[in-house]
Amino acid sequence: MPSKRRPQARRSKKPRARKTKSAAIKIARRKRTGKVRPIPLTQLSESSLAARDSSLHVLAAMRRDPSLSFSRSAKQEGVKPATVKRHFPSALRKAQGRIIVTKSDRYQETLYLPDRYGNAVPITTRSFKERQQASKYLRDLGRYLGGKKDALAKWHGKKIAGVDLLTAGRTIVTIEPALSEFSLYRAFNGGVA
């Protein structure tokens, strides 16, 4: 006796939706655990780089003020908490039901420090510690230019990310017009020119 099989409905051949480039990159970068690896900085668009920079400011604000919540810090910087998590996942952890920032991180960032002619030189920092040192150096350079002559004493002979720091008083005096043409913080740290 022949078996009665139901005829199967024919599937319509719909064209598959094409995956976007970013989705394809994310899929290609998955580890065995299913986590998505960070996308290299060279492949990020300008808007993504701006969001990453704002996310970095969120981490810095939370490190300066431990009582500041993650969502409030993200709101102050004008970035979504999910964006911060996407760009810096290992810098955040959960403790007692709150998201807190780690004490340090190993993320790469390009900052700008003055050379001996007053030009902005890009340096690649590879940790929070190097970014913090560059910030303190620029603050002390601004204090020196403001009249505090011993502000750069602790920076003599020091380097940040392999770059010798400008500390010679005579050199600073000769290039002071080049340094004062723009705001130190904005020009050296990638702010709006």
N, C-alpha and C. Protein backbone atom coordinates (compact mmCIF):
# COMPACT_ATOMS: atom_id res chain seq x y z
N MET A 1 0.83 -1.17 0.00
CA MET A 1 0.00 0.00 0.00
C MET A 1 0.88 1.25 0.00
N PRO A 2 0.68 2.09 -0.94
CA PRO A 2 1.50 3.30 -1.02
C PRO A 2 1.18 4.25 0.13
N SER A 3 2.25 4.85 0.67
CA SER A 3 2.06 5.80 1.77
C SER A 3 1.51 7.11 1.23
N LYS A 4 0.68 7.69 2.04
CA LYS A 4 0.11 8.97 1.62
C LYS A 4 0.93 10.10 2.24
N ARG A 5 1.62 10.71 1.41
CA ARG A 5 2.40 11.87 1.85
C ARG A 5 1.67 13.13 1.44
N ARG A 6 1.76 14.03 2.33
CA ARG A 6 1.16 15.31 1.97
C ARG A 6 2.12 16.05 1.06
N PRO A 7 1.59 16.66 0.09
CA PRO A 7 2.49 17.43 -0.78
C PRO A 7 3.02 18.65 -0.01
N GLN A 8 4.31 18.84 -0.11
CA GLN A 8 4.93 19.97 0.57
C GLN A 8 4.70 21.24 -0.22
N ALA A 9 4.46 22.26 0.54
CA ALA A 9 4.26 23.55 -0.12
C ALA A 9 5.59 24.03 -0.66
N ARG A 10 5.52 24.55 -1.84
CA ARG A 10 6.75 25.06 -2.44
C ARG A 10 7.11 26.39 -1.81
N ARG A 11 8.37 26.47 -1.53
CA ARG A 11 8.86 27.73 -0.94
C ARG A 11 9.09 28.74 -2.05
N SER A 12 8.66 29.92 -1.76
CA SER A 12 8.90 30.96 -2.76
C SER A 12 10.37 31.37 -2.66
N LYS A 13 10.93 31.63 -3.74
CA LYS A 13 12.35 32.01 -3.78
C LYS A 13 12.46 33.52 -3.66
N LYS A 14 12.55 33.95 -2.42
CA LYS A 14 12.75 35.37 -2.17
C LYS A 14 14.24 35.65 -2.14
N PRO A 15 14.64 36.76 -2.68
CA PRO A 15 16.07 37.08 -2.58
C PRO A 15 16.42 37.38 -1.12
N ARG A 16 17.52 36.83 -0.70
CA ARG A 16 17.96 37.07 0.67
C ARG A 16 18.42 38.51 0.83
N ALA A 17 18.15 39.03 2.01
CA ALA A 17 18.59 40.40 2.29
C ALA A 17 20.11 40.41 2.40
N ARG A 18 20.71 41.37 1.77
CA ARG A 18 22.17 41.45 1.81
C ARG A 18 22.59 42.03 3.15
N LYS A 19 23.66 41.48 3.67
CA LYS A 19 24.19 41.97 4.93
C LYS A 19 24.98 43.24 4.67
N THR A 20 24.87 44.17 5.60
CA THR A 20 25.63 45.40 5.46
C THR A 20 27.10 45.13 5.75
N LYS A 21 27.93 46.04 5.36
CA LYS A 21 29.36 45.87 5.55
C LYS A 21 29.72 45.76 7.03
N SER A 22 29.11 46.61 7.86
CA SER A 22 29.43 46.57 9.29
C SER A 22 28.97 45.26 9.92
N ALA A 23 27.82 44.75 9.49
CA ALA A 23 27.35 43.48 10.02
C ALA A 23 28.28 42.35 9.59
N ALA A 24 28.75 42.41 8.35
CA ALA A 24 29.67 41.39 7.87
C ALA A 24 30.99 41.44 8.63
N ILE A 25 31.45 42.64 8.96
CA ILE A 25 32.70 42.78 9.72
C ILE A 25 32.53 42.21 11.12
N LYS A 26 31.39 42.49 11.75
CA LYS A 26 31.14 41.97 13.09
C LYS A 26 31.10 40.46 13.09
N ILE A 27 30.43 39.89 12.10
CA ILE A 27 30.35 38.44 12.04
C ILE A 27 31.73 37.84 11.81
N ALA A 28 32.52 38.47 10.96
CA ALA A 28 33.86 37.96 10.66
C ALA A 28 34.78 38.05 11.86
N ARG A 29 34.51 38.93 12.79
CA ARG A 29 35.39 39.15 13.93
C ARG A 29 34.97 38.42 15.19
N ARG A 30 33.99 37.57 15.11
CA ARG A 30 33.54 36.86 16.30
C ARG A 30 34.56 35.83 16.75
N LYS A 31 34.69 35.73 18.04
CA LYS A 31 35.54 34.69 18.61
C LYS A 31 34.69 33.44 18.80
N ARG A 32 35.28 32.40 19.27
CA ARG A 32 34.53 31.17 19.55
C ARG A 32 33.47 31.39 20.62
N THR A 33 33.70 32.32 21.51
CA THR A 33 32.75 32.57 22.58
C THR A 33 31.52 33.32 22.09
N GLY A 34 31.56 33.82 20.89
CA GLY A 34 30.43 34.55 20.35
C GLY A 34 30.51 36.05 20.59
N LYS A 35 31.56 36.51 21.24
CA LYS A 35 31.71 37.93 21.48
C LYS A 35 32.24 38.61 20.23
N VAL A 36 31.88 39.85 20.08
CA VAL A 36 32.33 40.61 18.92
C VAL A 36 33.61 41.34 19.27
N ARG A 37 34.62 41.18 18.46
CA ARG A 37 35.89 41.89 18.67
C ARG A 37 35.73 43.34 18.24
N PRO A 38 36.51 44.23 18.84
CA PRO A 38 36.42 45.63 18.42
C PRO A 38 36.88 45.81 16.97
N ILE A 39 36.24 46.71 16.29
CA ILE A 39 36.60 47.01 14.91
C ILE A 39 37.83 47.91 14.92
N PRO A 40 38.82 47.68 14.06
CA PRO A 40 40.01 48.54 14.03
C PRO A 40 39.63 50.00 13.78
N LEU A 41 40.38 50.90 14.39
CA LEU A 41 40.07 52.33 14.29
C LEU A 41 40.10 52.84 12.86
N THR A 42 40.91 52.23 12.02
CA THR A 42 41.02 52.69 10.63
C THR A 42 39.74 52.41 9.85
N GLN A 43 38.91 51.49 10.33
CA GLN A 43 37.68 51.15 9.62
C GLN A 43 36.45 51.90 10.15
N LEU A 44 36.64 52.74 11.16
CA LEU A 44 35.52 53.49 11.72
C LEU A 44 35.26 54.76 10.93
N SER A 45 33.99 55.12 10.81
CA SER A 45 33.62 56.37 10.15
C SER A 45 33.90 57.53 11.09
N GLU A 46 33.76 58.76 10.56
CA GLU A 46 34.02 59.94 11.41
C GLU A 46 33.03 60.03 12.55
N SER A 47 31.79 59.69 12.30
CA SER A 47 30.79 59.76 13.37
C SER A 47 31.07 58.71 14.44
N SER A 48 31.54 57.54 14.02
CA SER A 48 31.89 56.49 14.99
C SER A 48 33.12 56.89 15.80
N LEU A 49 34.08 57.54 15.16
CA LEU A 49 35.26 58.02 15.88
C LEU A 49 34.87 59.09 16.91
N ALA A 50 33.92 59.96 16.53
CA ALA A 50 33.45 60.98 17.47
C ALA A 50 32.72 60.33 18.65
N ALA A 51 31.93 59.30 18.37
CA ALA A 51 31.23 58.59 19.44
C ALA A 51 32.22 57.87 20.34
N ARG A 52 33.29 57.33 19.75
CA ARG A 52 34.32 56.65 20.54
C ARG A 52 35.03 57.65 21.44
N ASP A 53 35.32 58.83 20.91
CA ASP A 53 35.97 59.87 21.70
C ASP A 53 35.08 60.30 22.87
N SER A 54 33.79 60.47 22.61
CA SER A 54 32.86 60.82 23.68
C SER A 54 32.77 59.71 24.71
N SER A 55 32.83 58.47 24.25
CA SER A 55 32.79 57.33 25.16
C SER A 55 34.02 57.31 26.05
N LEU A 56 35.15 57.69 25.50
CA LEU A 56 36.38 57.77 26.29
C LEU A 56 36.26 58.85 27.37
N HIS A 57 35.57 59.94 27.05
CA HIS A 57 35.34 60.99 28.03
C HIS A 57 34.41 60.51 29.15
N VAL A 58 33.48 59.61 28.81
CA VAL A 58 32.61 59.02 29.83
C VAL A 58 33.44 58.25 30.85
N LEU A 59 34.38 57.43 30.35
CA LEU A 59 35.25 56.66 31.24
C LEU A 59 36.08 57.59 32.12
N ALA A 60 36.62 58.64 31.52
CA ALA A 60 37.46 59.58 32.28
C ALA A 60 36.65 60.28 33.37
N ALA A 61 35.42 60.67 33.04
CA ALA A 61 34.57 61.34 34.03
C ALA A 61 34.25 60.41 35.19
N MET A 62 34.00 59.15 34.88
CA MET A 62 33.69 58.19 35.94
C MET A 62 34.91 57.90 36.80
N ARG A 63 36.10 57.97 36.23
CA ARG A 63 37.32 57.75 37.01
C ARG A 63 37.60 58.95 37.92
N ARG A 64 37.29 60.15 37.44
CA ARG A 64 37.50 61.36 38.25
C ARG A 64 36.52 61.40 39.42
N ASP A 65 35.28 61.01 39.17
CA ASP A 65 34.24 61.08 40.20
C ASP A 65 33.58 59.71 40.35
N PRO A 66 34.06 58.88 41.29
CA PRO A 66 33.51 57.53 41.46
C PRO A 66 32.03 57.50 41.82
N SER A 67 31.48 58.59 42.35
CA SER A 67 30.06 58.59 42.70
C SER A 67 29.16 58.84 41.49
N LEU A 68 29.74 59.22 40.36
CA LEU A 68 28.99 59.49 39.14
C LEU A 68 28.51 58.18 38.53
N SER A 69 27.23 58.07 38.24
CA SER A 69 26.70 56.83 37.67
C SER A 69 27.05 56.75 36.18
N PHE A 70 27.02 55.54 35.67
CA PHE A 70 27.36 55.29 34.27
C PHE A 70 26.39 56.00 33.34
N SER A 71 25.09 55.87 33.59
CA SER A 71 24.10 56.47 32.70
C SER A 71 24.16 58.00 32.76
N ARG A 72 24.39 58.56 33.94
CA ARG A 72 24.47 60.02 34.06
C ARG A 72 25.72 60.55 33.36
N SER A 73 26.83 59.85 33.49
CA SER A 73 28.05 60.27 32.82
C SER A 73 27.88 60.23 31.31
N ALA A 74 27.25 59.16 30.81
CA ALA A 74 27.01 59.04 29.37
C ALA A 74 26.09 60.16 28.89
N LYS A 75 25.08 60.48 29.68
CA LYS A 75 24.15 61.55 29.30
C LYS A 75 24.87 62.90 29.25
N GLN A 76 25.76 63.15 30.21
CA GLN A 76 26.50 64.42 30.23
C GLN A 76 27.38 64.57 29.00
N GLU A 77 27.92 63.45 28.51
CA GLU A 77 28.80 63.50 27.33
C GLU A 77 28.02 63.40 26.02
N GLY A 78 26.70 63.19 26.11
CA GLY A 78 25.86 63.14 24.92
C GLY A 78 26.03 61.86 24.11
N VAL A 79 26.22 60.75 24.80
CA VAL A 79 26.39 59.47 24.12
C VAL A 79 25.54 58.43 24.83
N LYS A 80 25.07 57.44 24.09
CA LYS A 80 24.25 56.39 24.69
C LYS A 80 25.14 55.42 25.46
N PRO A 81 24.63 54.89 26.58
CA PRO A 81 25.41 53.90 27.33
C PRO A 81 25.79 52.68 26.49
N ALA A 82 24.92 52.28 25.57
CA ALA A 82 25.23 51.13 24.71
C ALA A 82 26.44 51.41 23.81
N THR A 83 26.61 52.66 23.41
CA THR A 83 27.76 53.04 22.58
C THR A 83 29.05 52.91 23.37
N VAL A 84 29.01 53.32 24.63
CA VAL A 84 30.20 53.20 25.48
C VAL A 84 30.55 51.73 25.67
N LYS A 85 29.53 50.91 25.90
CA LYS A 85 29.76 49.47 26.09
C LYS A 85 30.32 48.83 24.83
N ARG A 86 29.86 49.29 23.67
CA ARG A 86 30.33 48.73 22.40
C ARG A 86 31.80 49.07 22.14
N HIS A 87 32.20 50.31 22.45
CA HIS A 87 33.57 50.74 22.17
C HIS A 87 34.57 50.30 23.24
N PHE A 88 34.15 50.24 24.50
CA PHE A 88 35.07 49.93 25.59
C PHE A 88 34.49 48.87 26.53
N PRO A 89 34.25 47.67 26.04
CA PRO A 89 33.60 46.66 26.88
C PRO A 89 34.43 46.21 28.08
N SER A 90 35.74 46.12 27.93
CA SER A 90 36.54 45.61 29.04
C SER A 90 36.87 46.68 30.07
N ALA A 91 36.51 47.93 29.82
CA ALA A 91 36.75 48.99 30.79
C ALA A 91 35.59 49.14 31.76
N LEU A 92 34.53 48.39 31.53
CA LEU A 92 33.35 48.46 32.38
C LEU A 92 33.10 47.11 33.02
N ARG A 93 32.61 47.14 34.25
CA ARG A 93 32.22 45.89 34.91
C ARG A 93 31.06 46.19 35.85
N LYS A 94 30.37 45.12 36.21
CA LYS A 94 29.22 45.27 37.08
C LYS A 94 29.63 44.91 38.50
N ALA A 95 29.25 45.76 39.46
CA ALA A 95 29.53 45.52 40.87
C ALA A 95 28.37 46.03 41.69
N GLN A 96 27.80 45.16 42.48
CA GLN A 96 26.68 45.49 43.35
C GLN A 96 25.52 46.12 42.57
N GLY A 97 25.26 45.58 41.40
CA GLY A 97 24.14 46.05 40.59
C GLY A 97 24.39 47.32 39.80
N ARG A 98 25.58 47.89 39.90
CA ARG A 98 25.93 49.11 39.18
C ARG A 98 27.02 48.83 38.17
N ILE A 99 27.04 49.60 37.12
CA ILE A 99 28.14 49.50 36.16
C ILE A 99 29.19 50.51 36.59
N ILE A 100 30.40 50.01 36.82
CA ILE A 100 31.51 50.88 37.22
C ILE A 100 32.64 50.75 36.22
N VAL A 101 33.53 51.70 36.26
CA VAL A 101 34.67 51.71 35.35
C VAL A 101 35.88 51.10 36.07
N THR A 102 36.71 50.39 35.31
CA THR A 102 37.92 49.82 35.89
C THR A 102 38.92 50.94 36.17
N LYS A 103 39.91 50.66 37.01
CA LYS A 103 40.89 51.69 37.37
C LYS A 103 41.78 52.07 36.20
N SER A 104 42.01 51.15 35.28
CA SER A 104 42.87 51.41 34.15
C SER A 104 42.36 50.63 32.95
N ASP A 105 42.88 50.92 31.78
CA ASP A 105 42.53 50.17 30.58
C ASP A 105 43.73 50.14 29.64
N ARG A 106 43.64 49.35 28.59
CA ARG A 106 44.72 49.21 27.63
C ARG A 106 44.27 49.64 26.23
N TYR A 107 43.40 50.63 26.16
CA TYR A 107 42.92 51.09 24.86
C TYR A 107 43.87 52.12 24.27
N GLN A 108 43.98 52.07 22.96
CA GLN A 108 44.90 52.94 22.23
C GLN A 108 44.17 54.22 21.84
N GLU A 109 44.84 55.34 21.99
CA GLU A 109 44.27 56.63 21.62
C GLU A 109 45.39 57.55 21.14
N THR A 110 45.10 58.39 20.17
CA THR A 110 46.08 59.35 19.66
C THR A 110 45.83 60.71 20.31
N LEU A 111 46.87 61.23 20.97
CA LEU A 111 46.81 62.56 21.57
C LEU A 111 47.89 63.41 20.91
N TYR A 112 47.86 64.69 21.17
CA TYR A 112 48.83 65.61 20.56
C TYR A 112 49.58 66.37 21.64
N LEU A 113 50.90 66.37 21.53
CA LEU A 113 51.77 67.11 22.44
C LEU A 113 52.64 68.05 21.61
N PRO A 114 53.11 69.15 22.19
CA PRO A 114 53.93 70.09 21.42
C PRO A 114 55.36 69.57 21.24
N ASP A 115 55.92 69.84 20.04
CA ASP A 115 57.34 69.52 19.83
C ASP A 115 58.15 70.77 20.16
N ARG A 116 59.45 70.75 19.86
CA ARG A 116 60.30 71.88 20.24
C ARG A 116 60.04 73.14 19.43
N TYR A 117 59.21 73.05 18.39
CA TYR A 117 58.86 74.22 17.59
C TYR A 117 57.43 74.71 17.87
N GLY A 118 56.73 74.05 18.76
CA GLY A 118 55.36 74.43 19.08
C GLY A 118 54.31 73.76 18.22
N ASN A 119 54.74 72.86 17.34
CA ASN A 119 53.80 72.14 16.49
C ASN A 119 53.19 70.98 17.26
N ALA A 120 51.95 70.66 16.94
CA ALA A 120 51.27 69.53 17.58
C ALA A 120 51.78 68.23 16.96
N VAL A 121 52.30 67.34 17.79
CA VAL A 121 52.84 66.07 17.33
C VAL A 121 51.93 64.95 17.85
N PRO A 122 51.44 64.09 16.95
CA PRO A 122 50.57 63.00 17.43
C PRO A 122 51.39 61.93 18.16
N ILE A 123 50.87 61.50 19.28
CA ILE A 123 51.48 60.36 20.00
C ILE A 123 50.38 59.33 20.21
N THR A 124 50.76 58.08 20.13
CA THR A 124 49.81 57.00 20.35
C THR A 124 49.97 56.48 21.75
N THR A 125 48.99 56.74 22.57
CA THR A 125 49.02 56.24 23.94
C THR A 125 48.37 54.87 23.97
N ARG A 126 48.89 54.00 24.80
CA ARG A 126 48.39 52.64 24.83
C ARG A 126 47.75 52.25 26.16
N SER A 127 47.50 53.25 27.00
CA SER A 127 46.86 52.94 28.28
C SER A 127 46.27 54.21 28.89
N PHE A 128 45.43 54.00 29.87
CA PHE A 128 44.86 55.12 30.62
C PHE A 128 45.96 55.91 31.30
N LYS A 129 46.97 55.21 31.81
CA LYS A 129 48.06 55.87 32.53
C LYS A 129 48.79 56.87 31.62
N GLU A 130 49.07 56.49 30.38
CA GLU A 130 49.75 57.41 29.46
C GLU A 130 48.86 58.60 29.10
N ARG A 131 47.55 58.36 28.91
CA ARG A 131 46.64 59.47 28.61
C ARG A 131 46.58 60.44 29.78
N GLN A 132 46.57 59.89 31.00
CA GLN A 132 46.53 60.72 32.20
C GLN A 132 47.81 61.55 32.33
N GLN A 133 48.96 60.94 32.04
CA GLN A 133 50.24 61.66 32.10
C GLN A 133 50.26 62.80 31.09
N ALA A 134 49.78 62.54 29.87
CA ALA A 134 49.76 63.59 28.84
C ALA A 134 48.87 64.75 29.28
N SER A 135 47.75 64.43 29.88
CA SER A 135 46.85 65.47 30.37
C SER A 135 47.50 66.31 31.46
N LYS A 136 48.16 65.65 32.40
CA LYS A 136 48.83 66.38 33.49
C LYS A 136 49.97 67.24 32.97
N TYR A 137 50.70 66.72 31.96
CA TYR A 137 51.79 67.50 31.38
C TYR A 137 51.25 68.76 30.71
N LEU A 138 50.16 68.63 29.94
CA LEU A 138 49.58 69.79 29.26
C LEU A 138 49.04 70.80 30.28
N ARG A 139 48.48 70.31 31.37
CA ARG A 139 48.01 71.20 32.43
C ARG A 139 49.18 71.98 33.02
N ASP A 140 50.30 71.27 33.29
CA ASP A 140 51.47 71.94 33.86
C ASP A 140 52.12 72.89 32.86
N LEU A 141 52.07 72.55 31.57
CA LEU A 141 52.60 73.46 30.54
C LEU A 141 51.77 74.75 30.52
N GLY A 142 50.47 74.61 30.64
CA GLY A 142 49.60 75.79 30.71
C GLY A 142 49.90 76.63 31.95
N ARG A 143 50.17 75.97 33.06
CA ARG A 143 50.53 76.71 34.29
C ARG A 143 51.86 77.44 34.11
N TYR A 144 52.81 76.77 33.43
CA TYR A 144 54.11 77.41 33.18
C TYR A 144 53.92 78.66 32.33
N LEU A 145 53.10 78.54 31.28
CA LEU A 145 52.85 79.69 30.41
C LEU A 145 52.08 80.78 31.15
N GLY A 146 51.35 80.40 32.20
CA GLY A 146 50.62 81.37 33.01
C GLY A 146 51.47 82.06 34.05
N GLY A 147 52.74 81.66 34.19
CA GLY A 147 53.63 82.37 35.10
C GLY A 147 54.21 81.52 36.22
N LYS A 148 53.76 80.30 36.40
CA LYS A 148 54.29 79.45 37.47
C LYS A 148 55.55 78.75 36.93
N LYS A 149 56.71 79.28 37.26
CA LYS A 149 57.98 78.85 36.66
C LYS A 149 58.43 77.44 37.07
N ASP A 150 57.95 76.91 38.17
CA ASP A 150 58.38 75.57 38.58
C ASP A 150 57.37 74.48 38.20
N ALA A 151 56.39 74.81 37.36
CA ALA A 151 55.34 73.86 37.00
C ALA A 151 55.86 72.67 36.21
N LEU A 152 56.93 72.85 35.43
CA LEU A 152 57.44 71.77 34.59
C LEU A 152 58.64 71.04 35.20
N ALA A 153 58.98 71.36 36.43
CA ALA A 153 60.16 70.76 37.07
C ALA A 153 60.10 69.24 37.12
N LYS A 154 58.94 68.71 37.42
CA LYS A 154 58.83 67.25 37.54
C LYS A 154 58.84 66.52 36.19
N TRP A 155 58.77 67.26 35.07
CA TRP A 155 58.73 66.64 33.76
C TRP A 155 60.09 66.62 33.06
N HIS A 156 61.15 67.19 33.65
CA HIS A 156 62.47 67.22 33.01
C HIS A 156 62.98 65.80 32.77
N GLY A 157 63.37 65.55 31.52
CA GLY A 157 63.93 64.25 31.16
C GLY A 157 62.92 63.13 31.04
N LYS A 158 61.63 63.42 31.12
CA LYS A 158 60.59 62.38 31.05
C LYS A 158 60.07 62.23 29.62
N LYS A 159 59.49 61.06 29.37
CA LYS A 159 58.87 60.77 28.08
C LYS A 159 57.46 60.26 28.31
N ILE A 160 56.60 60.51 27.33
CA ILE A 160 55.27 59.92 27.31
C ILE A 160 55.11 59.24 25.97
N ALA A 161 54.83 57.94 26.00
CA ALA A 161 54.68 57.13 24.79
C ALA A 161 55.89 57.28 23.88
N GLY A 162 57.08 57.38 24.47
CA GLY A 162 58.32 57.44 23.70
C GLY A 162 58.68 58.81 23.17
N VAL A 163 57.93 59.84 23.53
CA VAL A 163 58.19 61.20 23.04
C VAL A 163 58.77 62.03 24.17
N ASP A 164 59.94 62.68 23.90
CA ASP A 164 60.54 63.58 24.88
C ASP A 164 59.64 64.78 25.09
N LEU A 165 59.47 65.16 26.34
CA LEU A 165 58.60 66.28 26.66
C LEU A 165 59.36 67.60 26.61
N LEU A 166 58.69 68.62 26.15
CA LEU A 166 59.26 69.97 26.06
C LEU A 166 59.22 70.60 27.45
N THR A 167 60.40 70.84 28.03
CA THR A 167 60.45 71.42 29.37
C THR A 167 61.45 72.57 29.48
N ALA A 168 62.26 72.78 28.46
CA ALA A 168 63.28 73.83 28.51
C ALA A 168 62.62 75.21 28.46
N GLY A 169 62.87 75.99 29.50
CA GLY A 169 62.26 77.31 29.62
C GLY A 169 62.58 78.23 28.46
N ARG A 170 63.84 78.22 28.01
CA ARG A 170 64.24 79.09 26.89
C ARG A 170 63.49 78.73 25.61
N THR A 171 63.36 77.44 25.38
CA THR A 171 62.65 76.99 24.18
C THR A 171 61.18 77.37 24.25
N ILE A 172 60.58 77.17 25.41
CA ILE A 172 59.16 77.51 25.57
C ILE A 172 58.93 79.00 25.36
N VAL A 173 59.84 79.82 25.86
CA VAL A 173 59.70 81.27 25.69
C VAL A 173 59.79 81.64 24.22
N THR A 174 60.69 81.00 23.47
CA THR A 174 60.84 81.35 22.05
C THR A 174 59.65 80.87 21.21
N ILE A 175 59.03 79.77 21.60
CA ILE A 175 57.90 79.26 20.80
C ILE A 175 56.55 79.61 21.42
N GLU A 176 56.55 80.42 22.45
CA GLU A 176 55.30 80.76 23.13
C GLU A 176 54.24 81.30 22.17
N PRO A 177 54.58 82.14 21.19
CA PRO A 177 53.53 82.58 20.25
C PRO A 177 52.88 81.40 19.52
N ALA A 178 53.66 80.39 19.16
CA ALA A 178 53.08 79.22 18.48
C ALA A 178 52.18 78.44 19.43
N LEU A 179 52.53 78.39 20.70
CA LEU A 179 51.72 77.66 21.68
C LEU A 179 50.44 78.42 22.02
N SER A 180 50.51 79.73 22.01
CA SER A 180 49.35 80.52 22.44
C SER A 180 48.39 80.84 21.30
N GLU A 181 48.71 80.44 20.07
CA GLU A 181 47.81 80.70 18.95
C GLU A 181 46.51 79.92 19.05
N PHE A 182 46.52 78.86 19.81
CA PHE A 182 45.33 78.05 19.97
C PHE A 182 45.23 77.57 21.41
N SER A 183 44.05 77.16 21.77
CA SER A 183 43.83 76.67 23.13
C SER A 183 44.59 75.36 23.28
N LEU A 184 45.40 75.25 24.34
CA LEU A 184 46.23 74.05 24.52
C LEU A 184 45.40 72.78 24.57
N TYR A 185 44.36 72.77 25.35
CA TYR A 185 43.59 71.53 25.51
C TYR A 185 42.92 71.14 24.21
N ARG A 186 42.24 72.06 23.56
CA ARG A 186 41.50 71.72 22.35
C ARG A 186 42.43 71.34 21.21
N ALA A 187 43.49 72.10 21.01
CA ALA A 187 44.36 71.83 19.86
C ALA A 187 45.16 70.56 20.06
N PHE A 188 45.67 70.34 21.27
CA PHE A 188 46.53 69.18 21.48
C PHE A 188 45.74 67.89 21.68
N ASN A 189 44.49 67.96 22.10
CA ASN A 189 43.74 66.75 22.39
C ASN A 189 42.56 66.53 21.48
N GLY A 190 42.68 66.97 20.25
CA GLY A 190 41.72 66.60 19.24
C GLY A 190 40.36 67.27 19.34
N GLY A 191 40.27 68.37 20.07
CA GLY A 191 38.99 69.08 20.17
C GLY A 191 38.73 69.88 18.90
N VAL A 192 37.62 70.56 18.89
CA VAL A 192 37.28 71.37 17.73
C VAL A 192 38.26 72.53 17.64
N ALA A 193 38.85 72.70 16.48
CA ALA A 193 39.86 73.76 16.30
C ALA A 193 39.22 75.09 16.06
